[in-house]
Amino acid sequence: MAKPRIRSVKFNVLMNMILTSSSLLFPLITVPYVSRVLSTYGTGAVAFAQSVVTYFSLVALLGISSYGVKACAQVRDDAAELSQTVKELLIILTCSTTLVFAVYLLCIFLVPKMYVQKELFLLFGVALWLASFGVEWLYQALEQYEYITIRNVAIKLFCIVLMFVLICEQKDYVMYGAIVVLAGYGSNIFNIIRIRKMVDLRIHTRIDIFRHFKPMLMFFIATVTSGMYVQADLVVLGFLGTTNMVGIYQLVIKIKGTFLTAVNSVGNVMLPRLSYYHAQKAEKRTEVLVAKTLNFSFLVSTLIILLCILERDSIVWLLGGEDFMGAVTPLVAISPAIAISSLNSVLGNYMASNEKEKIWATINVVGLFVAIIANLCLIPHFGPTGAALSAVACELAVFIIRSIQNRDLLKRIIGKLEFIKVAVCGVITYLVCMFFLKLIGTMNVLFSLFVGSALLCSIFLVTLLISREYFVNQVLLKLLSLF
């Protein structure tokens, strides 16, 4: 068994950006087609089933999706200990997934809203097992982002072909659900097959699964509550609203999710490296990495928020068509959550890597409470827009509390953060873009999106360069040094 090669952070970020690009292109190619074929009902039914099974999957995983990254990253230099850890976590997952799946089957036949779409929910039951045994946490801990990227891109390309071949009529939404499962979890099959190259599960050592329960508990609470408050808007809307409402809102969630994936292309590679730095007591390197990631996340998310506001009609029409134009207002309403969520992700990774799991978990419990209350209050009155506002309120509450808890870190890196500068550049960019677009006048939807995006990116880049924003200027200097 060869020792996995650990690449640099820059290489991992590059691989994650390629993966992010594929995640951006996949919905851009498939969502416009699927939305027009299946309309709001078909896409709404699949989105509701997917969000419900996510709740069950979060419980089945017991927080191992995050705990496993940290636990394996800390012992990745010891092959025997790494193999022991992976074996024990797989045993825990087998027990938990079996119990959760039994409850899931009961719910399908006892809950009316689930029983109506029982074929779809049974299909997503497969996703429950694939999510548990994908061991993505091991590959992240070993920073195997090259493999993760190649595998995901290949599966997505295959699913794109399947989607255009098999989704032809509105009644094909169950088949669409199957392709969603394959696209989201199919690559996990390769993970479990390839695991023998990463660790040796044949090593006969004393199994001690109980040593993981105490440190895993806070990860369990944190990841379950975090995943639940992120999905709360769609789940509550599914129970309180109509399938068509869910169909409209799921498009908003897909747009938000796609953009958030782009923003988190750097943040997603942080946890294993931060855990490693913490184990090595490299505090200065930790602070530099956190500051750079926060700046990058805020800069990119600001650009995306401006795009969502400036080209809201064009984005919704392109991805959904006339049936989904009701998603315009919810899209604008939810756009601030992109920035807040990306910053939450960075602070959450820092807390998870620095033995602050209990505080992390407590904050997420508060977030879930805020999400449920906000959704129950706003959805009956405002429908999908209420769900969007609830998502923003929840993320904001979590961010405020996390910032307070991490105030010592933020005080040390405050001089490296350029949020105000980026925000001012964003406001100037928006005002200048609005002025030019009014001069140009009415345009074709596609042309409007192209012109608006190009204008937005160009003006934002210029304002950042003029203001001497650190990240953009460093990238420019490196590009100039190549010539």
Protein backbone atom coordinates (compact mmCIF):
# COMPACT_ATOMS: atom_id res chain seq x y z
CA MET A 1 0.00 0.00 0.00
CA ALA A 2 1.68 3.19 -1.25
CA LYS A 3 1.54 6.33 0.85
CA PRO A 4 -0.83 8.86 -0.79
CA ARG A 5 0.90 11.93 -2.18
CA ILE A 6 0.00 15.14 -0.32
CA ARG A 7 -0.11 18.08 -2.71
CA SER A 8 0.29 21.78 -1.92
CA VAL A 9 -2.66 23.99 -0.90
CA LYS A 10 -2.36 25.82 -4.24
CA PHE A 11 -2.67 22.55 -6.18
CA ASN A 12 -5.64 21.47 -4.05
CA VAL A 13 -7.33 24.82 -4.65
CA LEU A 14 -6.71 24.46 -8.40
CA MET A 15 -8.26 20.98 -8.41
CA ASN A 16 -11.18 22.21 -6.33
CA MET A 17 -11.69 25.08 -8.77
CA ILE A 18 -11.83 22.62 -11.67
CA LEU A 19 -14.34 20.60 -9.67
CA THR A 20 -16.24 23.79 -8.93
CA SER A 21 -16.29 24.70 -12.62
CA SER A 22 -17.84 21.35 -13.43
CA SER A 23 -20.40 21.91 -10.66
CA LEU A 24 -21.21 25.27 -12.23
CA LEU A 25 -21.46 23.92 -15.78
CA PHE A 26 -23.55 20.88 -14.86
CA PRO A 27 -26.66 22.86 -13.78
CA LEU A 28 -26.11 25.45 -16.53
CA ILE A 29 -26.40 22.65 -19.08
CA THR A 30 -29.08 20.49 -17.45
CA VAL A 31 -31.34 22.80 -15.40
CA PRO A 32 -32.73 24.81 -18.37
CA TYR A 33 -33.63 21.58 -20.16
CA VAL A 34 -35.04 19.74 -17.13
CA SER A 35 -37.03 22.76 -15.93
CA ARG A 36 -38.76 23.14 -19.27
CA VAL A 37 -39.51 19.40 -19.63
CA LEU A 38 -40.60 18.60 -16.06
CA SER A 39 -41.94 22.08 -15.12
CA THR A 40 -42.48 23.12 -11.50
CA TYR A 41 -44.30 19.96 -10.37
CA GLY A 42 -41.71 17.40 -11.49
CA THR A 43 -38.70 19.37 -10.27
CA GLY A 44 -40.53 20.21 -7.03
CA ALA A 45 -41.30 16.55 -6.28
CA VAL A 46 -37.66 15.54 -6.78
CA ALA A 47 -36.35 18.49 -4.74
CA PHE A 48 -38.67 17.66 -1.83
CA ALA A 49 -37.62 13.99 -1.79
CA GLN A 50 -33.96 14.97 -1.98
CA SER A 51 -34.24 17.45 0.89
CA VAL A 52 -36.06 14.94 3.14
CA VAL A 53 -33.54 12.15 2.53
CA THR A 54 -30.77 14.64 3.32
CA TYR A 55 -32.20 14.96 6.84
CA PHE A 56 -32.05 11.18 7.33
CA SER A 57 -28.58 11.01 5.81
CA LEU A 58 -27.28 13.65 8.23
CA VAL A 59 -28.39 11.49 11.16
CA ALA A 60 -26.96 8.30 9.62
CA LEU A 61 -23.55 9.92 9.08
CA LEU A 62 -23.29 10.86 12.79
CA GLY A 63 -21.04 13.81 11.92
CA ILE A 64 -18.39 11.52 10.44
CA SER A 65 -18.37 13.56 7.22
CA SER A 66 -16.55 16.25 9.27
CA TYR A 67 -15.13 14.25 12.18
CA GLY A 68 -13.62 11.71 9.78
CA VAL A 69 -11.67 14.44 7.97
CA LYS A 70 -10.12 15.69 11.20
CA ALA A 71 -9.52 12.25 12.74
CA CYS A 72 -7.84 10.88 9.60
CA ALA A 73 -5.88 14.07 8.84
CA GLN A 74 -4.28 13.98 12.30
CA VAL A 75 -2.97 10.41 11.82
CA ARG A 76 -2.35 10.43 8.07
CA ASP A 77 1.42 9.95 8.60
CA ASP A 78 0.81 6.69 10.54
CA ALA A 79 -0.49 4.04 8.09
CA ALA A 80 -1.50 1.55 10.79
CA GLU A 81 -3.38 4.09 12.90
CA LEU A 82 -5.07 5.52 9.81
CA SER A 83 -6.28 2.06 8.74
CA GLN A 84 -7.54 1.37 12.27
CA THR A 85 -9.45 4.66 12.35
CA VAL A 86 -11.10 4.09 8.97
CA LYS A 87 -12.13 0.54 9.86
CA GLU A 88 -13.75 1.67 13.13
CA LEU A 89 -15.62 4.53 11.49
CA LEU A 90 -16.98 2.19 8.80
CA ILE A 91 -18.33 -0.16 11.47
CA ILE A 92 -20.08 2.75 13.20
CA LEU A 93 -21.58 3.87 9.88
CA THR A 94 -22.90 0.38 9.14
CA CYS A 95 -24.83 0.28 12.41
CA SER A 96 -26.18 3.84 12.21
CA THR A 97 -27.24 3.66 8.56
CA THR A 98 -29.10 0.38 9.09
CA LEU A 99 -31.15 1.89 11.93
CA VAL A 100 -31.85 5.17 10.12
CA PHE A 101 -32.85 3.37 6.93
CA ALA A 102 -35.40 1.28 8.87
CA VAL A 103 -36.98 4.49 10.25
CA TYR A 104 -36.88 6.05 6.77
CA LEU A 105 -38.87 3.13 5.32
CA LEU A 106 -41.48 3.45 8.05
CA CYS A 107 -41.87 7.17 7.34
CA ILE A 108 -42.44 6.54 3.64
CA PHE A 109 -45.50 4.43 4.43
CA LEU A 110 -46.76 6.46 7.41
CA VAL A 111 -46.33 10.09 6.24
CA PRO A 112 -48.96 10.99 3.58
CA LYS A 113 -46.78 13.55 1.74
CA MET A 114 -44.06 10.93 1.38
CA TYR A 115 -46.35 8.02 0.53
CA VAL A 116 -47.83 9.91 -2.43
CA GLN A 117 -44.35 9.84 -4.00
CA LYS A 118 -43.22 6.51 -2.51
CA GLU A 119 -41.40 5.38 -5.69
CA LEU A 120 -39.33 8.54 -5.61
CA PHE A 121 -38.58 8.27 -1.89
CA LEU A 122 -37.61 4.59 -2.19
CA LEU A 123 -35.25 5.55 -4.99
CA PHE A 124 -33.61 8.20 -2.81
CA GLY A 125 -33.19 5.54 -0.13
CA VAL A 126 -30.27 4.30 -2.25
CA ALA A 127 -28.67 7.72 -1.81
CA LEU A 128 -28.83 7.22 1.95
CA TRP A 129 -26.52 4.19 1.70
CA LEU A 130 -24.22 5.72 -0.89
CA ALA A 131 -23.80 8.87 1.21
CA SER A 132 -22.80 6.83 4.27
CA PHE A 133 -20.26 4.61 2.53
CA GLY A 134 -18.69 7.09 0.14
CA VAL A 135 -15.77 7.67 2.59
CA GLU A 136 -15.32 11.12 1.05
CA TRP A 137 -13.92 12.19 4.42
CA LEU A 138 -10.92 9.89 3.98
CA TYR A 139 -10.00 11.32 0.57
CA GLN A 140 -10.39 14.85 1.89
CA ALA A 141 -8.22 14.06 4.93
CA LEU A 142 -5.50 12.74 2.61
CA GLU A 143 -6.05 15.76 0.35
CA GLN A 144 -6.65 13.59 -2.72
CA TYR A 145 -8.34 16.41 -4.62
CA GLU A 146 -6.91 15.34 -7.96
CA TYR A 147 -8.72 12.00 -7.73
CA ILE A 148 -11.88 13.62 -6.33
CA THR A 149 -11.96 16.07 -9.24
CA ILE A 150 -11.40 13.53 -12.04
CA ARG A 151 -13.97 11.13 -10.58
CA ASN A 152 -16.68 13.78 -10.13
CA VAL A 153 -16.20 15.34 -13.55
CA ALA A 154 -16.45 11.90 -15.23
CA ILE A 155 -19.68 11.04 -13.39
CA LYS A 156 -21.22 14.42 -14.19
CA LEU A 157 -20.46 14.07 -17.91
CA PHE A 158 -22.08 10.62 -17.91
CA CYS A 159 -25.17 11.96 -16.13
CA ILE A 160 -25.52 14.84 -18.59
CA VAL A 161 -25.78 12.33 -21.42
CA LEU A 162 -28.32 10.25 -19.48
CA MET A 163 -30.42 13.32 -18.75
CA PHE A 164 -30.82 14.33 -22.38
CA VAL A 165 -31.48 10.75 -23.47
CA LEU A 166 -33.92 9.63 -20.74
CA ILE A 167 -35.78 12.81 -19.68
CA CYS A 168 -38.25 13.51 -22.48
CA GLU A 169 -41.69 14.04 -20.86
CA GLN A 170 -43.15 15.53 -17.68
CA LYS A 171 -43.87 12.05 -16.31
CA ASP A 172 -40.13 11.23 -16.38
CA TYR A 173 -39.48 12.98 -13.07
CA VAL A 174 -38.84 9.66 -11.27
CA MET A 175 -36.13 8.88 -13.82
CA TYR A 176 -34.78 12.37 -13.20
CA GLY A 177 -34.61 11.50 -9.50
CA ALA A 178 -32.53 8.41 -10.36
CA ILE A 179 -30.09 10.53 -12.36
CA VAL A 180 -29.89 13.05 -9.50
CA VAL A 181 -28.94 10.19 -7.16
CA LEU A 182 -26.31 8.95 -9.61
CA ALA A 183 -24.87 12.43 -10.18
CA GLY A 184 -24.73 13.22 -6.47
CA TYR A 185 -23.62 9.89 -5.04
CA GLY A 186 -22.59 7.55 -7.86
CA SER A 187 -18.94 8.51 -7.55
CA ASN A 188 -18.97 7.20 -3.98
CA ILE A 189 -19.03 3.66 -5.39
CA PHE A 190 -15.54 4.24 -6.79
CA ASN A 191 -14.42 5.59 -3.41
CA ILE A 192 -15.21 2.39 -1.54
CA ILE A 193 -13.65 0.24 -4.31
CA ARG A 194 -10.46 2.33 -4.27
CA ILE A 195 -10.19 2.44 -0.48
CA ARG A 196 -7.75 -0.50 -0.42
CA LYS A 197 -5.17 1.77 -2.08
CA MET A 198 -5.52 4.31 0.71
CA VAL A 199 -5.63 2.06 3.80
CA ASP A 200 -5.16 -1.59 4.73
CA LEU A 201 -8.42 -2.88 6.22
CA ARG A 202 -6.94 -6.38 6.60
CA ILE A 203 -4.82 -5.35 9.57
CA HIS A 204 -5.98 -7.40 12.55
CA THR A 205 -6.06 -5.09 15.53
CA ARG A 206 -8.40 -4.65 18.44
CA ILE A 207 -11.48 -2.69 17.36
CA ASP A 208 -12.37 0.16 19.69
CA ILE A 209 -15.27 2.11 18.22
CA PHE A 210 -16.16 3.66 21.58
CA ARG A 211 -13.08 5.91 21.58
CA HIS A 212 -14.70 7.91 18.77
CA PHE A 213 -18.06 8.52 20.44
CA LYS A 214 -17.09 11.42 22.71
CA PRO A 215 -15.14 13.52 20.14
CA MET A 216 -17.67 12.57 17.45
CA LEU A 217 -20.67 13.74 19.49
CA MET A 218 -20.12 17.45 18.89
CA PHE A 219 -19.43 16.86 15.19
CA PHE A 220 -22.69 14.92 15.04
CA ILE A 221 -24.70 17.70 16.64
CA ALA A 222 -22.94 20.36 14.57
CA THR A 223 -23.28 18.70 11.16
CA VAL A 224 -26.84 17.49 11.73
CA THR A 225 -28.10 20.87 12.90
CA SER A 226 -26.08 22.71 10.22
CA GLY A 227 -27.41 20.49 7.46
CA MET A 228 -30.92 20.75 8.83
CA TYR A 229 -30.97 24.55 9.04
CA VAL A 230 -29.59 24.76 5.50
CA GLN A 231 -32.38 22.47 4.24
CA ALA A 232 -35.10 23.79 6.58
CA ASP A 233 -36.50 26.30 4.08
CA LEU A 234 -37.11 23.68 1.40
CA VAL A 235 -38.46 21.03 3.80
CA VAL A 236 -40.86 23.41 5.61
CA LEU A 237 -42.00 24.83 2.26
CA GLY A 238 -42.63 21.26 1.10
CA PHE A 239 -44.94 20.56 4.03
CA LEU A 240 -46.65 23.96 4.26
CA GLY A 241 -46.76 24.90 0.57
CA THR A 242 -47.55 23.24 -2.72
CA THR A 243 -45.35 21.09 -4.96
CA ASN A 244 -45.29 23.93 -7.50
CA MET A 245 -43.99 26.33 -4.83
CA VAL A 246 -41.23 23.86 -4.06
CA GLY A 247 -40.51 23.63 -7.79
CA ILE A 248 -40.05 27.40 -8.02
CA TYR A 249 -37.96 27.59 -4.88
CA GLN A 250 -35.75 24.63 -5.75
CA LEU A 251 -34.51 26.62 -8.75
CA VAL A 252 -33.50 29.40 -6.36
CA ILE A 253 -31.73 26.85 -4.16
CA LYS A 254 -29.89 25.40 -7.16
CA ILE A 255 -28.71 28.83 -8.27
CA LYS A 256 -27.62 29.67 -4.73
CA GLY A 257 -25.96 26.27 -4.31
CA THR A 258 -24.10 26.55 -7.60
CA PHE A 259 -22.76 29.98 -6.76
CA LEU A 260 -21.91 28.94 -3.19
CA THR A 261 -19.91 26.02 -4.55
CA ALA A 262 -17.86 28.49 -6.57
CA VAL A 263 -17.23 30.69 -3.54
CA ASN A 264 -16.29 27.71 -1.36
CA SER A 265 -13.78 26.33 -3.87
CA VAL A 266 -11.03 27.54 -1.53
CA GLY A 267 -12.77 27.06 1.82
CA ASN A 268 -13.54 23.41 1.15
CA VAL A 269 -9.85 22.45 1.20
CA MET A 270 -9.22 24.22 4.52
CA LEU A 271 -10.30 21.70 7.17
CA PRO A 272 -7.67 18.97 6.56
CA ARG A 273 -4.87 21.55 6.26
CA LEU A 274 -6.05 23.50 9.32
CA SER A 275 -6.29 20.26 11.32
CA TYR A 276 -2.74 19.42 10.25
CA TYR A 277 -1.50 22.92 11.18
CA HIS A 278 -3.21 22.64 14.56
CA ALA A 279 -1.53 19.30 15.24
CA GLN A 280 1.82 20.91 14.32
CA LYS A 281 1.01 24.02 16.45
CA ALA A 282 1.58 26.30 13.43
CA GLU A 283 -0.66 29.16 14.59
CA LYS A 284 0.78 31.86 12.32
CA ARG A 285 0.25 29.73 9.22
CA THR A 286 -3.31 29.10 10.41
CA GLU A 287 -4.03 32.81 10.75
CA VAL A 288 -2.66 33.62 7.30
CA LEU A 289 -4.70 30.83 5.69
CA VAL A 290 -7.93 31.88 7.44
CA ALA A 291 -7.45 35.56 6.51
CA LYS A 292 -6.78 34.79 2.85
CA THR A 293 -9.78 32.48 2.65
CA LEU A 294 -12.14 34.99 4.28
CA ASN A 295 -11.00 37.71 1.87
CA PHE A 296 -11.39 35.46 -1.17
CA SER A 297 -14.83 34.25 -0.07
CA PHE A 298 -16.16 37.76 0.54
CA LEU A 299 -14.75 39.13 -2.71
CA VAL A 300 -16.19 36.40 -4.94
CA SER A 301 -19.54 36.30 -3.11
CA THR A 302 -19.90 40.08 -3.46
CA LEU A 303 -19.50 39.76 -7.23
CA ILE A 304 -22.09 36.96 -7.29
CA ILE A 305 -24.61 38.94 -5.22
CA LEU A 306 -24.28 41.87 -7.63
CA LEU A 307 -24.86 39.50 -10.55
CA CYS A 308 -27.99 38.01 -8.92
CA ILE A 309 -29.46 41.47 -8.39
CA LEU A 310 -28.42 43.03 -11.70
CA GLU A 311 -29.36 40.10 -13.96
CA ARG A 312 -32.07 38.40 -11.89
CA ASP A 313 -34.65 38.17 -14.69
CA SER A 314 -32.16 36.87 -17.24
CA ILE A 315 -30.75 34.23 -14.87
CA VAL A 316 -34.17 32.84 -13.93
CA TRP A 317 -35.49 32.88 -17.50
CA LEU A 318 -32.38 31.16 -18.84
CA LEU A 319 -32.36 28.40 -16.23
CA GLY A 320 -36.08 27.91 -15.73
CA GLY A 321 -38.16 29.57 -18.42
CA GLU A 322 -41.52 31.30 -18.14
CA ASP A 323 -42.96 28.81 -15.60
CA PHE A 324 -40.26 29.75 -13.09
CA MET A 325 -40.34 33.56 -13.25
CA GLY A 326 -41.83 33.53 -9.76
CA ALA A 327 -38.29 32.69 -8.59
CA VAL A 328 -36.97 36.20 -9.39
CA THR A 329 -37.90 37.85 -6.08
CA PRO A 330 -36.77 34.88 -3.92
CA LEU A 331 -33.43 34.88 -5.79
CA VAL A 332 -32.78 38.52 -4.92
CA ALA A 333 -33.94 37.92 -1.34
CA ILE A 334 -31.63 34.94 -0.79
CA SER A 335 -28.52 36.39 -2.48
CA PRO A 336 -26.98 37.89 0.73
CA ALA A 337 -26.95 34.37 2.20
CA ILE A 338 -24.26 33.44 -0.35
CA ALA A 339 -21.74 35.80 1.27
CA ILE A 340 -22.79 35.07 4.85
CA SER A 341 -22.78 31.30 4.32
CA SER A 342 -19.32 31.31 2.75
CA LEU A 343 -17.89 33.24 5.72
CA ASN A 344 -19.70 30.86 8.09
CA SER A 345 -18.04 27.94 6.34
CA VAL A 346 -14.56 29.37 6.89
CA LEU A 347 -15.17 30.13 10.58
CA GLY A 348 -16.79 26.72 11.05
CA ASN A 349 -13.76 24.94 9.56
CA TYR A 350 -11.46 26.91 11.85
CA MET A 351 -13.50 25.98 14.92
CA ALA A 352 -13.67 22.31 13.92
CA SER A 353 -9.88 22.15 13.51
CA ASN A 354 -9.15 23.87 16.84
CA GLU A 355 -10.99 21.64 19.31
CA LYS A 356 -14.02 23.96 19.45
CA GLU A 357 -16.54 21.35 18.36
CA LYS A 358 -18.81 21.94 21.36
CA ILE A 359 -19.16 25.66 20.64
CA TRP A 360 -19.52 24.94 16.92
CA ALA A 361 -22.33 22.49 17.65
CA THR A 362 -24.12 24.84 20.05
CA ILE A 363 -24.10 27.65 17.50
CA ASN A 364 -25.57 25.35 14.85
CA VAL A 365 -28.36 24.33 17.22
CA VAL A 366 -29.22 28.03 17.59
CA GLY A 367 -29.13 28.32 13.78
CA LEU A 368 -31.58 25.43 13.39
CA PHE A 369 -33.93 27.00 15.97
CA VAL A 370 -33.82 30.37 14.15
CA ALA A 371 -34.39 28.65 10.79
CA ILE A 372 -37.47 26.72 11.94
CA ILE A 373 -39.06 29.73 13.66
CA ALA A 374 -38.32 32.05 10.72
CA ASN A 375 -39.68 29.58 8.17
CA LEU A 376 -42.85 28.87 10.16
CA CYS A 377 -43.49 32.61 10.50
CA LEU A 378 -42.59 33.78 6.98
CA ILE A 379 -43.56 30.95 4.60
CA PRO A 380 -47.34 31.07 5.29
CA HIS A 381 -47.35 34.79 4.42
CA PHE A 382 -44.69 35.12 1.70
CA GLY A 383 -44.27 31.60 0.27
CA PRO A 384 -40.91 31.03 -1.51
CA THR A 385 -39.77 34.60 -0.75
CA GLY A 386 -40.39 33.95 2.94
CA ALA A 387 -38.26 30.81 2.71
CA ALA A 388 -35.47 32.87 1.11
CA LEU A 389 -35.62 35.54 3.82
CA SER A 390 -35.56 32.80 6.46
CA ALA A 391 -32.35 31.40 4.97
CA VAL A 392 -30.69 34.83 5.21
CA ALA A 393 -31.88 35.37 8.80
CA CYS A 394 -30.56 31.97 9.84
CA GLU A 395 -27.12 32.43 8.24
CA LEU A 396 -26.83 35.92 9.72
CA ALA A 397 -27.65 34.71 13.24
CA VAL A 398 -25.04 31.95 12.98
CA PHE A 399 -22.42 34.33 11.56
CA ILE A 400 -22.88 36.89 14.36
CA ILE A 401 -22.48 34.25 17.07
CA ARG A 402 -19.49 32.60 15.35
CA SER A 403 -17.80 35.97 14.98
CA ILE A 404 -18.26 36.67 18.70
CA GLN A 405 -16.87 33.26 19.62
CA ASN A 406 -13.88 33.74 17.29
CA ARG A 407 -13.26 37.37 18.24
CA ASP A 408 -9.68 36.65 19.41
CA LEU A 409 -8.77 35.24 15.99
CA LEU A 410 -10.57 38.04 14.17
CA LYS A 411 -8.73 40.67 16.27
CA ARG A 412 -5.40 39.16 15.23
CA ILE A 413 -6.24 39.11 11.52
CA ILE A 414 -8.46 42.20 11.27
CA GLY A 415 -5.66 44.15 9.61
CA LYS A 416 -5.53 41.56 6.83
CA LEU A 417 -9.29 41.66 6.10
CA GLU A 418 -10.53 43.99 3.37
CA PHE A 419 -14.30 43.61 3.64
CA ILE A 420 -15.07 47.34 3.71
CA LYS A 421 -12.89 48.01 0.67
CA VAL A 422 -14.55 45.21 -1.30
CA ALA A 423 -18.06 46.32 -0.24
CA VAL A 424 -17.41 49.91 -1.33
CA CYS A 425 -16.07 48.66 -4.68
CA GLY A 426 -19.21 46.56 -5.02
CA VAL A 427 -21.56 49.51 -4.46
CA ILE A 428 -19.64 51.66 -6.96
CA THR A 429 -19.67 48.81 -9.49
CA TYR A 430 -23.44 48.33 -9.17
CA LEU A 431 -24.20 52.03 -9.63
CA VAL A 432 -21.93 52.33 -12.67
CA CYS A 433 -23.42 49.16 -14.22
CA MET A 434 -26.98 50.43 -13.72
CA PHE A 435 -26.04 53.70 -15.41
CA PHE A 436 -24.56 51.98 -18.48
CA LEU A 437 -27.36 49.41 -18.78
CA LYS A 438 -29.97 52.18 -18.76
CA LEU A 439 -28.08 53.90 -21.57
CA ILE A 440 -28.00 50.66 -23.60
CA GLY A 441 -31.72 50.01 -23.10
CA THR A 442 -33.75 46.82 -23.69
CA MET A 443 -31.83 43.76 -24.91
CA ASN A 444 -32.37 40.10 -25.69
CA VAL A 445 -32.23 37.95 -22.51
CA LEU A 446 -29.04 36.09 -23.43
CA PHE A 447 -27.37 39.22 -24.74
CA SER A 448 -28.41 41.11 -21.60
CA LEU A 449 -26.87 38.42 -19.38
CA PHE A 450 -23.65 38.41 -21.40
CA VAL A 451 -23.31 42.21 -21.51
CA GLY A 452 -24.33 42.67 -17.88
CA SER A 453 -21.92 39.99 -16.61
CA ALA A 454 -19.01 41.29 -18.69
CA LEU A 455 -19.67 44.87 -17.61
CA LEU A 456 -20.02 43.84 -13.96
CA CYS A 457 -16.80 41.81 -13.87
CA SER A 458 -14.80 44.46 -15.73
CA ILE A 459 -15.87 47.40 -13.58
CA PHE A 460 -15.51 45.41 -10.34
CA LEU A 461 -11.99 44.36 -11.35
CA VAL A 462 -11.02 47.93 -12.18
CA THR A 463 -12.34 49.30 -8.88
CA LEU A 464 -10.49 46.58 -6.95
CA LEU A 465 -7.24 47.37 -8.77
CA ILE A 466 -7.64 51.10 -8.17
CA SER A 467 -8.35 50.49 -4.47
CA ARG A 468 -5.26 48.21 -4.33
CA GLU A 469 -7.21 45.25 -2.98
CA TYR A 470 -4.58 42.71 -1.89
CA PHE A 471 -5.82 39.47 -3.49
CA VAL A 472 -6.54 40.91 -6.95
CA ASN A 473 -3.29 42.86 -7.03
CA GLN A 474 -1.26 39.79 -6.01
CA VAL A 475 -2.86 37.76 -8.81
CA LEU A 476 -2.12 40.55 -11.30
CA LEU A 477 1.53 40.77 -10.20
CA LYS A 478 1.97 37.01 -10.63
CA LEU A 479 0.43 37.16 -14.12
CA LEU A 480 2.69 40.06 -15.11
CA SER A 481 5.74 38.18 -13.84
CA LEU A 482 5.07 35.46 -16.42
CA PHE A 483 5.77 37.88 -19.28
